[in-house]
Amino acid sequence: LYSWPGFYGNAWYDCKSNYSLNVQVLNPHIINYSVGLPGSQHDSTAFAETHILKEHQMLLSSDEWIFADTTYPLHDWIRPEKDTEKNTTYNYYVSKVCICSEHAIGYLKGTWQSL
C-alpha cells in the first residue's frame, strides 16, 4: 500500500512501520491464498479467515497436511513445529519447507513489486 487507507488506516500499519496487507500463501504448490486483512493482523488470525481452514477436505487429500508454526490452530492436517531435542531431524526438514516458502514469496514480490 502506498498511502494511508481511507478506512481504519492504523489497522493497516504493520510491525515494520509500513502500510501492508496480510497475505497467507500455501506452498510449495500454491493451492490457496488469502488477501485482504490488514498487515497488523497476526498470521494465525489471518489464517482463520482462509478458505483452506474452512474447506480443507476439498483442497487436501486425506494423506496431505500442511506445516505451520505453533501459533496456528492444531488440527489433524496441520503439523506445528515441535521444538524438542528428539525432533531435531523433523525440525530440520520443517525449516527446509519454511525456507522454500519464503523463497516463493520473495519470488512473487520480485515479480510484482506491488506485493
Protein backbone atom coordinates (compact mmCIF):
# COMPACT_ATOMS: atom_id res chain seq x y z
CA LEU A 1 0.00 0.00 0.00
CA TYR A 2 1.45 3.35 -0.96
CA SER A 3 -0.70 5.60 1.21
CA TRP A 4 -2.91 5.74 4.28
CA PRO A 5 -6.04 3.64 3.62
CA GLY A 6 -9.32 5.54 3.85
CA PHE A 7 -10.94 3.33 6.48
CA TYR A 8 -9.23 2.22 9.71
CA GLY A 9 -5.83 3.37 8.45
CA ASN A 10 -3.98 2.44 11.65
CA ALA A 11 -5.02 -1.22 11.29
CA TRP A 12 -3.07 -1.44 8.03
CA TYR A 13 0.17 -0.33 9.72
CA ASP A 14 2.43 -3.37 10.26
CA CYS A 15 5.24 -4.13 12.74
CA LYS A 16 7.82 -2.76 10.25
CA SER A 17 6.08 0.66 10.11
CA ASN A 18 4.64 0.11 6.61
CA TYR A 19 1.09 0.05 5.37
CA SER A 20 0.51 -3.53 4.32
CA LEU A 21 -1.85 -6.44 3.74
CA ASN A 22 -1.57 -9.79 5.47
CA VAL A 23 -1.21 -12.48 2.81
CA GLN A 24 -1.40 -16.21 3.56
CA VAL A 25 0.14 -18.42 0.87
CA LEU A 26 0.34 -22.22 0.93
CA ASN A 27 3.43 -23.54 -0.78
CA PRO A 28 5.26 -25.42 -2.49
CA HIS A 29 2.22 -25.79 -4.74
CA ILE A 30 0.06 -22.76 -4.19
CA ILE A 31 -3.32 -24.34 -3.59
CA ASN A 32 -4.85 -21.50 -1.61
CA TYR A 33 -4.19 -17.89 -0.74
CA SER A 34 -5.94 -15.20 1.23
CA VAL A 35 -5.58 -11.45 0.80
CA GLY A 36 -7.34 -8.52 2.35
CA LEU A 37 -6.72 -8.39 6.07
CA PRO A 38 -4.62 -5.54 7.46
CA GLY A 39 -0.89 -6.09 7.89
CA SER A 40 -1.32 -5.59 11.64
CA GLN A 41 -3.24 -8.88 11.87
CA HIS A 42 -1.28 -11.81 13.27
CA ASP A 43 -0.73 -14.62 10.76
CA SER A 44 -2.72 -17.12 12.83
CA THR A 45 -5.67 -14.69 12.97
CA ALA A 46 -5.46 -14.17 9.21
CA PHE A 47 -5.33 -17.94 8.71
CA ALA A 48 -8.69 -18.23 10.48
CA GLU A 49 -10.20 -16.34 7.53
CA THR A 50 -8.78 -18.60 4.81
CA HIS A 51 -10.74 -20.91 2.57
CA ILE A 52 -8.44 -23.83 3.39
CA LEU A 53 -9.29 -23.70 7.08
CA LYS A 54 -12.98 -23.90 6.28
CA GLU A 55 -12.76 -26.29 3.30
CA HIS A 56 -9.58 -28.30 3.84
CA GLN A 57 -11.30 -31.58 2.82
CA MET A 58 -11.78 -30.15 -0.66
CA LEU A 59 -8.22 -28.81 -1.04
CA LEU A 60 -6.16 -31.55 0.66
CA SER A 61 -6.33 -35.29 0.18
CA SER A 62 -6.59 -37.48 3.29
CA ASP A 63 -2.82 -38.14 3.37
CA GLU A 64 -1.79 -34.48 2.90
CA TRP A 65 -1.12 -31.91 5.59
CA ILE A 66 0.49 -28.50 5.90
CA PHE A 67 3.37 -27.23 8.01
CA ALA A 68 2.59 -24.37 10.37
CA ASP A 69 4.25 -22.96 13.43
CA THR A 70 2.89 -23.37 16.94
CA THR A 71 0.77 -20.19 16.80
CA TYR A 72 -1.60 -21.81 14.29
CA PRO A 73 -4.58 -23.89 15.43
CA LEU A 74 -3.97 -27.59 15.97
CA HIS A 75 -5.78 -29.91 13.54
CA ASP A 76 -5.03 -33.38 12.16
CA TRP A 77 -3.99 -31.79 8.85
CA ILE A 78 -1.78 -29.04 10.36
CA ARG A 79 1.65 -30.01 11.64
CA PRO A 80 3.07 -27.46 14.06
CA GLU A 81 6.80 -27.29 14.55
CA LYS A 82 7.82 -29.44 17.51
CA ASP A 83 10.69 -27.78 19.34
CA THR A 84 12.28 -30.65 21.26
CA GLU A 85 15.67 -32.32 21.02
CA LYS A 86 14.19 -35.66 19.95
CA ASN A 87 12.60 -33.94 16.94
CA THR A 88 15.85 -32.48 15.58
CA THR A 89 15.52 -34.24 12.20
CA TYR A 90 11.85 -33.29 11.94
CA ASN A 91 12.67 -29.65 12.70
CA TYR A 92 15.46 -29.67 10.12
CA TYR A 93 13.03 -30.64 7.37
CA VAL A 94 10.39 -28.24 8.64
CA SER A 95 12.95 -25.44 8.32
CA LYS A 96 13.69 -26.55 4.72
CA VAL A 97 9.99 -26.21 3.87
CA CYS A 98 9.86 -22.80 5.56
CA ILE A 99 12.86 -21.61 3.54
CA CYS A 100 11.23 -22.85 0.32
CA SER A 101 8.07 -20.98 1.23
CA GLU A 102 9.97 -17.76 1.98
CA HIS A 103 11.77 -18.04 -1.37
CA ALA A 104 8.45 -18.48 -3.19
CA ILE A 105 7.03 -15.38 -1.52
CA GLY A 106 10.24 -13.47 -2.33
CA TYR A 107 9.91 -14.53 -5.97
CA LEU A 108 6.31 -13.31 -6.06
CA LYS A 109 7.32 -9.97 -4.51
CA GLY A 110 10.19 -9.65 -7.00
CA THR A 111 7.83 -10.29 -9.89
CA TRP A 112 5.06 -7.97 -8.70
CA GLN A 113 6.60 -5.12 -6.71
CA SER A 114 3.18 -4.02 -5.52
CA LEU A 115 3.05 -7.03 -3.19
